[in-house]
Protein backbone atom coordinates (compact mmCIF):
# COMPACT_ATOMS: atom_id res chain seq x y z
CA UNK A 1 15.34 -36.47 11.02
CA UNK A 2 15.55 -34.40 14.34
CA UNK A 3 12.18 -33.71 16.01
CA UNK A 4 14.10 -31.21 18.16
CA UNK A 5 13.37 -27.40 18.42
CA UNK A 6 16.47 -26.96 19.25
CA UNK A 7 18.05 -24.04 16.94
CA UNK A 8 21.67 -23.29 15.68
CA UNK A 9 23.13 -19.81 16.04
CA UNK A 10 19.11 -18.89 16.70
CA UNK A 11 17.91 -20.23 13.93
CA UNK A 12 15.67 -23.50 12.81
CA UNK A 13 18.31 -26.11 11.56
CA UNK A 14 15.77 -27.44 8.75
CA UNK A 15 11.91 -26.87 7.87
CA UNK A 16 10.08 -29.78 6.61
CA UNK A 17 7.04 -28.96 4.75
CA UNK A 18 4.45 -30.66 2.07
CA UNK A 19 4.34 -29.37 -1.18
CA UNK A 20 1.23 -27.81 -1.49
CA UNK A 21 2.13 -25.63 1.71
CA UNK A 22 5.28 -24.56 0.14
CA UNK A 23 3.71 -23.57 -3.01
CA UNK A 24 1.29 -21.78 -1.16
CA UNK A 25 3.89 -20.01 0.58
CA UNK A 26 5.70 -19.41 -2.84
CA UNK A 27 2.36 -18.07 -4.49
CA UNK A 28 1.71 -15.47 -1.21
CA UNK A 29 5.31 -14.21 -1.74
CA UNK A 30 4.93 -13.40 -4.95
CA UNK A 31 1.55 -11.94 -4.67
CA UNK A 32 3.22 -9.67 -1.91
CA UNK A 33 6.00 -8.49 -4.20
CA UNK A 34 3.15 -7.39 -7.00
CA UNK A 35 1.20 -5.80 -4.15
CA UNK A 36 4.66 -3.92 -2.76
CA UNK A 37 5.37 -2.79 -6.48
CA UNK A 38 1.71 -1.50 -6.96
CA UNK A 39 1.90 0.61 -3.29
CA UNK A 40 5.41 2.03 -4.62
CA UNK A 41 3.77 2.98 -8.15
CA UNK A 42 1.11 4.64 -6.78
CA UNK A 43 3.30 6.40 -4.09
CA UNK A 44 5.49 7.55 -7.12
CA UNK A 45 2.19 8.96 -8.75
CA UNK A 46 0.90 10.65 -5.67
CA UNK A 47 4.26 12.76 -5.29
CA UNK A 48 4.87 13.48 -8.81
CA UNK A 49 7.70 11.30 -9.38
CA UNK A 50 6.55 10.22 -12.88
CA UNK A 51 7.31 11.45 -16.26
CA UNK A 52 5.31 11.05 -19.41
CA UNK A 53 5.67 7.91 -21.64
CA UNK A 54 6.30 9.76 -24.78
CA UNK A 55 9.12 11.94 -23.32
CA UNK A 56 10.83 8.66 -21.60
CA UNK A 57 10.86 6.91 -24.95
CA UNK A 58 11.85 10.11 -26.96
CA UNK A 59 14.90 9.66 -24.63
CA UNK A 60 15.20 6.44 -25.15
CA UNK A 61 15.37 6.78 -28.71
CA UNK A 62 18.07 9.69 -28.48
CA UNK A 63 20.31 8.00 -26.16
CA UNK A 64 20.44 4.67 -28.24
CA UNK A 65 20.23 5.98 -31.73
CA UNK A 66 16.74 5.01 -32.91
CA UNK A 67 15.42 6.90 -35.58
CA UNK A 68 11.76 7.57 -35.03
């Protein structure tokens, strides 16, 4: 294992991390994705970029020939 802080093309060659820290990082990234999805949904609602569920489901049934 290299202990140098030398970089290749401006990027680290590898990062060594214990399993618990790695899992924590994955969990934080997953939460960030959820928070971003919620932020976008709230923004869509605030700017009127939504449609009633009944309308969407009716259109879906028509498009795919699903009887009511």
